[in-house]
Amino acid sequence: MDGEIELRVDGRVRRLRVDTRTTVLDALRDRLGVTAPKKGCDHGQCGSCTVLLDGRRVVTCLALAVSHDGADITTAEGLAVGGRLHPVQEAFIERDAFQCGFCTPGQVCSAVGVLAEVEAGHPSAVTPDLTGPVEPSDEEIRERMSGNLCRCGAYAGITDAVRDCAGGAR
C-alpha cells in the first residue's frame, strides 16, 4: 500500500509517494537523492543515518516515512547556510574529527542535537545533578554521542569538536 507524503528536506519541500514500509533513510537516499545520511547497519545501531527530524536527532533507518509526513528534516548538507559551514562542521574539520568520513554526516547531526539537548538542560544517564544545568563534560559528550559509531576511531577529535561548540563557544 502506498501513501503520499510531504517532507521538508534541508529547507526544500519534497512530495513523494512511498510504500508504507519505506524508511525515512530509504526515502531520502533512494527516492530523493539525498545521500548525506548513510546506510550503515540498517538496524539503528551505528548512527550513520542520523539526521535532525523536527529538531531532534533520529536514526532514519528505523523511522517509517509515512509516520513523518510533514516533518522538517535537516541533514549534514542542510546545516550549512549561505555557503558557510555550521560551527559543528567547522569544529570537526579543525579538530580532525573524521578519517574516512562515512560516519561524519551522522556524527555532525548528532552533535548538533546533543548541543541542543545540553542547552535545553535535558539530563543524560551520566548527568550528576538532574535538577541543575547540564555541563558539557567529556563524559557527558561521550555518553550522548555513544549511539554514533566511528569505525576509524576518531572519537577524541569528535569529543573535542563537540566540546569546542558547547555553550555557544563558536
N, C-alpha and C. Protein backbone atom coordinates (compact mmCIF):
# COMPACT_ATOMS: atom_id res chain seq x y z
N MET A 1 0.84 -1.17 0.00
CA MET A 1 0.00 0.00 0.00
C MET A 1 0.89 1.24 0.00
N ASP A 2 0.58 2.19 -0.85
CA ASP A 2 1.35 3.42 -0.97
C ASP A 2 0.68 4.56 -0.22
N GLY A 3 1.49 5.53 0.16
CA GLY A 3 0.98 6.74 0.77
C GLY A 3 1.74 7.93 0.23
N GLU A 4 1.05 9.03 0.03
CA GLU A 4 1.72 10.24 -0.42
C GLU A 4 2.09 11.07 0.80
N ILE A 5 3.35 11.49 0.83
CA ILE A 5 3.84 12.28 1.96
C ILE A 5 4.57 13.52 1.46
N GLU A 6 4.73 14.44 2.40
CA GLU A 6 5.48 15.66 2.13
C GLU A 6 6.53 15.80 3.21
N LEU A 7 7.76 16.02 2.80
CA LEU A 7 8.86 16.23 3.73
C LEU A 7 9.56 17.53 3.36
N ARG A 8 9.97 18.27 4.36
CA ARG A 8 10.79 19.45 4.11
C ARG A 8 12.22 19.01 4.41
N VAL A 9 13.02 18.86 3.36
CA VAL A 9 14.37 18.34 3.49
C VAL A 9 15.37 19.46 3.20
N ASP A 10 16.15 19.80 4.20
CA ASP A 10 17.15 20.86 4.07
C ASP A 10 16.54 22.14 3.50
N GLY A 11 15.32 22.45 3.98
CA GLY A 11 14.66 23.69 3.60
C GLY A 11 13.81 23.62 2.35
N ARG A 12 13.81 22.48 1.69
CA ARG A 12 13.07 22.34 0.43
C ARG A 12 11.93 21.35 0.60
N VAL A 13 10.72 21.75 0.24
CA VAL A 13 9.56 20.87 0.35
C VAL A 13 9.61 19.84 -0.77
N ARG A 14 9.49 18.58 -0.37
CA ARG A 14 9.54 17.47 -1.34
C ARG A 14 8.31 16.59 -1.12
N ARG A 15 7.61 16.27 -2.20
CA ARG A 15 6.45 15.38 -2.14
C ARG A 15 6.81 14.08 -2.84
N LEU A 16 6.38 12.99 -2.24
CA LEU A 16 6.65 11.70 -2.87
C LEU A 16 5.65 10.66 -2.40
N ARG A 17 5.51 9.64 -3.21
CA ARG A 17 4.65 8.51 -2.89
C ARG A 17 5.57 7.37 -2.45
N VAL A 18 5.28 6.83 -1.28
CA VAL A 18 6.12 5.76 -0.74
C VAL A 18 5.26 4.60 -0.26
N ASP A 19 5.84 3.43 -0.32
CA ASP A 19 5.24 2.25 0.29
C ASP A 19 5.23 2.49 1.79
N THR A 20 4.25 2.01 2.48
CA THR A 20 4.13 2.27 3.92
C THR A 20 5.27 1.64 4.73
N ARG A 21 6.05 0.78 4.12
CA ARG A 21 7.18 0.15 4.80
C ARG A 21 8.50 0.88 4.54
N THR A 22 8.48 1.95 3.77
CA THR A 22 9.69 2.68 3.41
C THR A 22 10.19 3.49 4.60
N THR A 23 11.47 3.35 4.88
CA THR A 23 12.06 4.13 5.97
C THR A 23 12.37 5.55 5.49
N VAL A 24 12.55 6.44 6.43
CA VAL A 24 12.95 7.80 6.09
C VAL A 24 14.29 7.75 5.36
N LEU A 25 15.20 6.90 5.81
CA LEU A 25 16.51 6.78 5.16
C LEU A 25 16.36 6.40 3.69
N ASP A 26 15.56 5.39 3.41
CA ASP A 26 15.39 4.96 2.02
C ASP A 26 14.66 6.02 1.19
N ALA A 27 13.71 6.72 1.79
CA ALA A 27 13.04 7.81 1.07
C ALA A 27 14.04 8.90 0.72
N LEU A 28 14.89 9.26 1.67
CA LEU A 28 15.88 10.30 1.41
C LEU A 28 16.88 9.87 0.34
N ARG A 29 17.49 8.72 0.53
CA ARG A 29 18.57 8.30 -0.36
C ARG A 29 18.06 7.82 -1.72
N ASP A 30 17.10 6.90 -1.69
CA ASP A 30 16.69 6.23 -2.94
C ASP A 30 15.67 7.02 -3.73
N ARG A 31 14.82 7.75 -3.04
CA ARG A 31 13.75 8.46 -3.74
C ARG A 31 14.06 9.92 -4.00
N LEU A 32 14.79 10.55 -3.07
CA LEU A 32 15.05 11.98 -3.20
C LEU A 32 16.50 12.31 -3.55
N GLY A 33 17.37 11.32 -3.55
CA GLY A 33 18.76 11.55 -3.92
C GLY A 33 19.57 12.31 -2.88
N VAL A 34 19.12 12.31 -1.64
CA VAL A 34 19.83 12.97 -0.54
C VAL A 34 20.75 11.94 0.10
N THR A 35 22.04 12.06 -0.15
CA THR A 35 22.97 10.98 0.24
C THR A 35 23.80 11.28 1.49
N ALA A 36 23.57 12.39 2.16
CA ALA A 36 24.33 12.68 3.37
C ALA A 36 24.11 11.59 4.43
N PRO A 37 22.86 11.24 4.76
CA PRO A 37 22.69 10.14 5.72
C PRO A 37 23.13 8.82 5.06
N LYS A 38 23.94 8.07 5.75
CA LYS A 38 24.49 6.83 5.20
C LYS A 38 23.76 5.61 5.73
N LYS A 39 23.68 4.58 4.89
CA LYS A 39 23.12 3.31 5.32
C LYS A 39 24.29 2.47 5.82
N GLY A 40 24.39 2.36 7.13
CA GLY A 40 25.47 1.59 7.73
C GLY A 40 24.97 0.20 8.11
N CYS A 41 24.37 0.10 9.29
CA CYS A 41 23.93 -1.19 9.80
C CYS A 41 22.50 -1.52 9.40
N ASP A 42 21.69 -0.50 9.15
CA ASP A 42 20.27 -0.66 8.83
C ASP A 42 19.48 -1.28 9.99
N HIS A 43 20.03 -1.15 11.21
CA HIS A 43 19.38 -1.69 12.41
C HIS A 43 19.34 -0.67 13.56
N GLY A 44 19.69 0.58 13.29
CA GLY A 44 19.66 1.61 14.33
C GLY A 44 20.79 1.52 15.33
N GLN A 45 21.87 0.81 14.99
CA GLN A 45 22.95 0.60 15.95
C GLN A 45 24.18 1.45 15.71
N CYS A 46 24.37 1.97 14.48
CA CYS A 46 25.63 2.67 14.19
C CYS A 46 25.50 4.19 14.15
N GLY A 47 24.32 4.71 13.86
CA GLY A 47 24.10 6.15 13.85
C GLY A 47 24.52 6.87 12.58
N SER A 48 25.01 6.15 11.58
CA SER A 48 25.47 6.83 10.37
C SER A 48 24.33 7.46 9.57
N CYS A 49 23.10 7.09 9.87
CA CYS A 49 21.93 7.64 9.17
C CYS A 49 21.25 8.76 9.97
N THR A 50 21.89 9.24 11.01
CA THR A 50 21.29 10.25 11.89
C THR A 50 21.07 11.57 11.15
N VAL A 51 19.87 12.12 11.32
CA VAL A 51 19.51 13.46 10.84
C VAL A 51 18.78 14.16 11.98
N LEU A 52 18.49 15.43 11.77
CA LEU A 52 17.63 16.16 12.70
C LEU A 52 16.24 16.15 12.11
N LEU A 53 15.32 15.51 12.79
CA LEU A 53 13.93 15.39 12.34
C LEU A 53 13.09 16.21 13.30
N ASP A 54 12.52 17.28 12.79
CA ASP A 54 11.78 18.24 13.63
C ASP A 54 12.64 18.69 14.82
N GLY A 55 13.94 18.90 14.54
CA GLY A 55 14.86 19.42 15.54
C GLY A 55 15.49 18.41 16.47
N ARG A 56 15.08 17.15 16.38
CA ARG A 56 15.64 16.11 17.26
C ARG A 56 16.42 15.12 16.45
N ARG A 57 17.48 14.60 17.03
CA ARG A 57 18.28 13.62 16.28
C ARG A 57 17.57 12.28 16.24
N VAL A 58 17.56 11.69 15.06
CA VAL A 58 16.83 10.45 14.81
C VAL A 58 17.65 9.57 13.88
N VAL A 59 17.70 8.27 14.19
CA VAL A 59 18.30 7.33 13.24
C VAL A 59 17.20 6.98 12.23
N THR A 60 17.41 7.36 11.00
CA THR A 60 16.36 7.28 9.99
C THR A 60 16.11 5.88 9.46
N CYS A 61 17.01 4.94 9.73
CA CYS A 61 16.79 3.58 9.24
C CYS A 61 15.68 2.88 10.02
N LEU A 62 15.29 3.44 11.17
CA LEU A 62 14.23 2.84 11.98
C LEU A 62 12.92 3.63 11.93
N ALA A 63 12.92 4.75 11.24
CA ALA A 63 11.75 5.62 11.19
C ALA A 63 11.01 5.42 9.87
N LEU A 64 9.72 5.13 9.95
CA LEU A 64 8.93 4.96 8.73
C LEU A 64 8.56 6.33 8.17
N ALA A 65 8.74 6.47 6.88
CA ALA A 65 8.49 7.76 6.22
C ALA A 65 7.05 8.22 6.38
N VAL A 66 6.09 7.31 6.26
CA VAL A 66 4.68 7.72 6.36
C VAL A 66 4.33 8.23 7.75
N SER A 67 5.11 7.84 8.75
CA SER A 67 4.87 8.32 10.11
C SER A 67 5.38 9.75 10.31
N HIS A 68 6.12 10.25 9.34
CA HIS A 68 6.71 11.57 9.48
C HIS A 68 6.28 12.51 8.36
N ASP A 69 5.09 12.30 7.86
CA ASP A 69 4.52 13.19 6.86
C ASP A 69 4.50 14.61 7.42
N GLY A 70 5.03 15.55 6.66
CA GLY A 70 5.06 16.94 7.09
C GLY A 70 6.28 17.31 7.93
N ALA A 71 7.17 16.36 8.15
CA ALA A 71 8.34 16.59 9.01
C ALA A 71 9.34 17.53 8.35
N ASP A 72 10.11 18.19 9.21
CA ASP A 72 11.21 19.04 8.78
C ASP A 72 12.49 18.26 9.05
N ILE A 73 13.22 17.92 8.01
CA ILE A 73 14.43 17.10 8.12
C ILE A 73 15.64 17.94 7.74
N THR A 74 16.63 17.94 8.61
CA THR A 74 17.89 18.61 8.31
C THR A 74 18.99 17.56 8.30
N THR A 75 19.68 17.46 7.18
CA THR A 75 20.83 16.57 7.06
C THR A 75 22.10 17.39 7.26
N ALA A 76 23.23 16.73 7.27
CA ALA A 76 24.50 17.44 7.40
C ALA A 76 24.67 18.45 6.27
N GLU A 77 24.17 18.14 5.10
CA GLU A 77 24.25 19.08 3.97
C GLU A 77 23.44 20.34 4.25
N GLY A 78 22.32 20.19 4.93
CA GLY A 78 21.44 21.32 5.19
C GLY A 78 21.85 22.20 6.35
N LEU A 79 22.87 21.81 7.08
CA LEU A 79 23.33 22.61 8.21
C LEU A 79 24.09 23.86 7.76
N ALA A 80 24.76 23.75 6.63
CA ALA A 80 25.49 24.90 6.09
C ALA A 80 24.47 25.91 5.55
N VAL A 81 24.71 27.18 5.84
CA VAL A 81 23.79 28.24 5.40
C VAL A 81 24.56 29.25 4.56
N GLY A 82 24.05 29.51 3.38
CA GLY A 82 24.68 30.51 2.52
C GLY A 82 26.12 30.19 2.17
N GLY A 83 26.43 28.92 2.02
CA GLY A 83 27.80 28.53 1.69
C GLY A 83 28.75 28.53 2.87
N ARG A 84 28.25 28.83 4.05
CA ARG A 84 29.10 28.84 5.26
C ARG A 84 28.78 27.61 6.09
N LEU A 85 29.81 26.89 6.47
CA LEU A 85 29.63 25.69 7.28
C LEU A 85 29.04 26.03 8.64
N HIS A 86 28.30 25.07 9.18
CA HIS A 86 27.78 25.17 10.54
C HIS A 86 28.98 25.12 11.49
N PRO A 87 28.91 25.77 12.65
CA PRO A 87 30.02 25.74 13.60
C PRO A 87 30.48 24.32 13.96
N VAL A 88 29.55 23.38 14.05
CA VAL A 88 29.96 22.00 14.36
C VAL A 88 30.77 21.42 13.20
N GLN A 89 30.37 21.70 11.98
CA GLN A 89 31.13 21.22 10.82
C GLN A 89 32.53 21.82 10.82
N GLU A 90 32.63 23.12 11.13
CA GLU A 90 33.94 23.77 11.21
C GLU A 90 34.81 23.13 12.30
N ALA A 91 34.19 22.85 13.45
CA ALA A 91 34.93 22.24 14.55
C ALA A 91 35.41 20.84 14.19
N PHE A 92 34.61 20.08 13.47
CA PHE A 92 35.02 18.75 13.04
C PHE A 92 36.27 18.83 12.15
N ILE A 93 36.31 19.82 11.29
CA ILE A 93 37.47 19.99 10.43
C ILE A 93 38.68 20.41 11.25
N GLU A 94 38.50 21.42 12.11
CA GLU A 94 39.62 21.93 12.92
C GLU A 94 40.18 20.88 13.87
N ARG A 95 39.32 20.04 14.39
CA ARG A 95 39.75 19.03 15.37
C ARG A 95 40.07 17.69 14.73
N ASP A 96 40.05 17.63 13.40
CA ASP A 96 40.35 16.40 12.67
C ASP A 96 39.49 15.25 13.21
N ALA A 97 38.19 15.51 13.29
CA ALA A 97 37.24 14.60 13.91
C ALA A 97 36.65 13.59 12.94
N PHE A 98 37.37 13.30 11.89
CA PHE A 98 36.93 12.26 10.95
C PHE A 98 38.14 11.73 10.20
N GLN A 99 37.99 10.52 9.71
CA GLN A 99 39.06 9.95 8.89
C GLN A 99 38.47 9.54 7.55
N CYS A 100 37.77 8.42 7.49
CA CYS A 100 37.22 8.02 6.19
C CYS A 100 36.01 8.87 5.81
N GLY A 101 35.31 9.43 6.79
CA GLY A 101 34.19 10.33 6.55
C GLY A 101 32.84 9.67 6.42
N PHE A 102 32.77 8.34 6.42
CA PHE A 102 31.49 7.66 6.24
C PHE A 102 30.49 8.03 7.33
N CYS A 103 30.93 8.03 8.57
CA CYS A 103 30.03 8.31 9.69
C CYS A 103 29.84 9.79 9.95
N THR A 104 30.65 10.63 9.32
CA THR A 104 30.69 12.06 9.66
C THR A 104 29.35 12.77 9.55
N PRO A 105 28.56 12.60 8.48
CA PRO A 105 27.27 13.31 8.44
C PRO A 105 26.37 12.97 9.63
N GLY A 106 26.32 11.71 10.00
CA GLY A 106 25.52 11.31 11.16
C GLY A 106 26.11 11.84 12.46
N GLN A 107 27.44 11.81 12.57
CA GLN A 107 28.11 12.34 13.76
C GLN A 107 27.82 13.83 13.91
N VAL A 108 27.90 14.57 12.82
CA VAL A 108 27.68 16.02 12.86
C VAL A 108 26.24 16.32 13.27
N CYS A 109 25.28 15.64 12.65
CA CYS A 109 23.87 15.87 13.02
C CYS A 109 23.62 15.50 14.47
N SER A 110 24.21 14.40 14.91
CA SER A 110 24.04 14.00 16.30
C SER A 110 24.66 15.04 17.23
N ALA A 111 25.82 15.55 16.87
CA ALA A 111 26.48 16.57 17.70
C ALA A 111 25.63 17.83 17.82
N VAL A 112 25.01 18.25 16.72
CA VAL A 112 24.13 19.41 16.78
C VAL A 112 22.95 19.13 17.71
N GLY A 113 22.40 17.91 17.63
CA GLY A 113 21.31 17.53 18.53
C GLY A 113 21.75 17.46 19.98
N VAL A 114 22.94 16.93 20.22
CA VAL A 114 23.49 16.85 21.58
C VAL A 114 23.62 18.24 22.17
N LEU A 115 24.15 19.16 21.41
CA LEU A 115 24.33 20.53 21.91
C LEU A 115 22.99 21.18 22.23
N ALA A 116 21.98 20.91 21.44
CA ALA A 116 20.64 21.45 21.72
C ALA A 116 20.08 20.83 23.00
N GLU A 117 20.30 19.53 23.20
CA GLU A 117 19.83 18.86 24.42
C GLU A 117 20.52 19.45 25.66
N VAL A 118 21.82 19.64 25.57
CA VAL A 118 22.58 20.21 26.68
C VAL A 118 22.10 21.62 26.98
N GLU A 119 21.94 22.42 25.92
CA GLU A 119 21.47 23.81 26.09
C GLU A 119 20.09 23.85 26.75
N ALA A 120 19.23 22.88 26.39
CA ALA A 120 17.88 22.82 26.96
C ALA A 120 17.86 22.25 28.38
N GLY A 121 19.01 21.72 28.83
CA GLY A 121 19.10 21.17 30.19
C GLY A 121 18.58 19.76 30.33
N HIS A 122 18.47 19.04 29.22
CA HIS A 122 18.00 17.65 29.29
C HIS A 122 19.11 16.77 29.84
N PRO A 123 18.87 16.07 30.94
CA PRO A 123 19.90 15.22 31.52
C PRO A 123 20.10 13.94 30.71
N SER A 124 21.27 13.33 30.89
CA SER A 124 21.56 12.03 30.29
C SER A 124 21.79 11.03 31.42
N ALA A 125 22.20 9.84 31.07
CA ALA A 125 22.46 8.80 32.08
C ALA A 125 23.61 9.16 33.00
N VAL A 126 24.51 10.05 32.58
CA VAL A 126 25.67 10.39 33.40
C VAL A 126 25.58 11.79 34.02
N THR A 127 24.49 12.49 33.82
CA THR A 127 24.33 13.83 34.40
C THR A 127 24.24 13.69 35.91
N PRO A 128 25.18 14.30 36.66
CA PRO A 128 25.19 14.11 38.11
C PRO A 128 24.02 14.76 38.85
N ASP A 129 23.60 15.93 38.40
CA ASP A 129 22.52 16.65 39.08
C ASP A 129 21.36 16.80 38.11
N LEU A 130 20.30 16.05 38.32
CA LEU A 130 19.17 16.06 37.39
C LEU A 130 18.34 17.33 37.45
N THR A 131 18.58 18.16 38.46
CA THR A 131 17.79 19.39 38.59
C THR A 131 18.57 20.63 38.19
N GLY A 132 19.87 20.50 38.06
CA GLY A 132 20.70 21.66 37.74
C GLY A 132 21.01 21.75 36.26
N PRO A 133 21.82 22.72 35.89
CA PRO A 133 22.21 22.84 34.49
C PRO A 133 23.11 21.68 34.08
N VAL A 134 23.09 21.36 32.81
CA VAL A 134 23.92 20.27 32.30
C VAL A 134 25.25 20.86 31.83
N GLU A 135 26.32 20.33 32.37
CA GLU A 135 27.66 20.77 31.96
C GLU A 135 28.17 19.84 30.87
N PRO A 136 28.65 20.37 29.77
CA PRO A 136 29.09 19.53 28.66
C PRO A 136 30.49 18.95 28.88
N SER A 137 30.62 18.13 29.91
CA SER A 137 31.89 17.49 30.19
C SER A 137 32.18 16.44 29.12
N ASP A 138 33.42 15.96 29.07
CA ASP A 138 33.77 14.92 28.12
C ASP A 138 32.93 13.67 28.35
N GLU A 139 32.71 13.34 29.63
CA GLU A 139 31.89 12.16 29.95
C GLU A 139 30.46 12.35 29.42
N GLU A 140 29.92 13.54 29.59
CA GLU A 140 28.57 13.84 29.11
C GLU A 140 28.51 13.76 27.59
N ILE A 141 29.49 14.31 26.92
CA ILE A 141 29.53 14.28 25.45
C ILE A 141 29.66 12.85 24.96
N ARG A 142 30.57 12.08 25.55
CA ARG A 142 30.76 10.69 25.12
C ARG A 142 29.50 9.86 25.31
N GLU A 143 28.81 10.07 26.43
CA GLU A 143 27.57 9.33 26.68
C GLU A 143 26.52 9.67 25.63
N ARG A 144 26.36 10.94 25.35
CA ARG A 144 25.32 11.37 24.40
C ARG A 144 25.66 10.97 22.97
N MET A 145 26.92 10.92 22.63
CA MET A 145 27.33 10.56 21.27
C MET A 145 27.54 9.05 21.10
N SER A 146 27.28 8.28 22.15
CA SER A 146 27.59 6.85 22.11
C SER A 146 26.77 6.06 21.09
N GLY A 147 25.70 6.60 20.59
CA GLY A 147 24.92 5.91 19.56
C GLY A 147 25.46 6.10 18.16
N ASN A 148 26.54 6.85 18.04
CA ASN A 148 27.17 7.09 16.74
C ASN A 148 28.55 6.46 16.74
N LEU A 149 28.70 5.41 15.97
CA LEU A 149 29.96 4.68 15.94
C LEU A 149 30.87 5.21 14.83
N CYS A 150 32.17 5.15 15.08
CA CYS A 150 33.19 5.54 14.11
C CYS A 150 34.14 4.37 13.96
N ARG A 151 34.11 3.77 12.80
CA ARG A 151 34.98 2.60 12.56
C ARG A 151 36.46 2.98 12.58
N CYS A 152 36.78 4.23 12.28
CA CYS A 152 38.17 4.69 12.25
C CYS A 152 38.69 5.07 13.62
N GLY A 153 37.81 5.28 14.58
CA GLY A 153 38.23 5.60 15.93
C GLY A 153 38.59 7.06 16.16
N ALA A 154 37.89 7.98 15.52
CA ALA A 154 38.18 9.40 15.65
C ALA A 154 37.47 10.02 16.85
N TYR A 155 37.20 9.23 17.86
CA TYR A 155 36.39 9.69 18.99
C TYR A 155 36.99 10.87 19.75
N ALA A 156 38.30 10.90 19.92
CA ALA A 156 38.93 12.02 20.65
C ALA A 156 38.66 13.34 19.93
N GLY A 157 38.83 13.34 18.62
CA GLY A 157 38.57 14.55 17.84
C GLY A 157 37.10 14.93 17.85
N ILE A 158 36.22 13.94 17.82
CA ILE A 158 34.78 14.20 17.86
C ILE A 158 34.41 14.85 19.19
N THR A 159 34.91 14.28 20.29
CA THR A 159 34.62 14.84 21.62
C THR A 159 35.15 16.26 21.71
N ASP A 160 36.36 16.49 21.23
CA ASP A 160 36.94 17.83 21.25
C ASP A 160 36.09 18.82 20.44
N ALA A 161 35.64 18.39 19.27
CA ALA A 161 34.84 19.27 18.41
C ALA A 161 33.52 19.65 19.07
N VAL A 162 32.86 18.67 19.68
CA VAL A 162 31.59 18.95 20.35
C VAL A 162 31.82 19.87 21.54
N ARG A 163 32.86 19.60 22.33
CA ARG A 163 33.17 20.46 23.48
C ARG A 163 33.47 21.88 23.03
N ASP A 164 34.19 22.03 21.91
CA ASP A 164 34.50 23.37 21.40
C ASP A 164 33.25 24.17 21.09
N CYS A 165 32.18 23.49 20.71
CA CYS A 165 30.95 24.18 20.32
C CYS A 165 29.96 24.34 21.47
N ALA A 166 30.21 23.68 22.56
CA ALA A 166 29.28 23.73 23.70
C ALA A 166 29.22 25.12 24.31
N GLY A 167 28.04 25.51 24.72
CA GLY A 167 27.86 26.79 25.37
C GLY A 167 28.00 27.98 24.43
N GLY A 168 27.79 27.73 23.13
CA GLY A 168 27.86 28.82 22.17
C GLY A 168 29.27 29.37 22.00
N ALA A 169 30.26 28.51 22.22
CA ALA A 169 31.66 28.95 22.12
C ALA A 169 32.00 29.41 20.71
N ARG A 170 31.22 28.99 19.73
CA ARG A 170 31.50 29.40 18.33
C ARG A 170 30.46 30.35 17.84
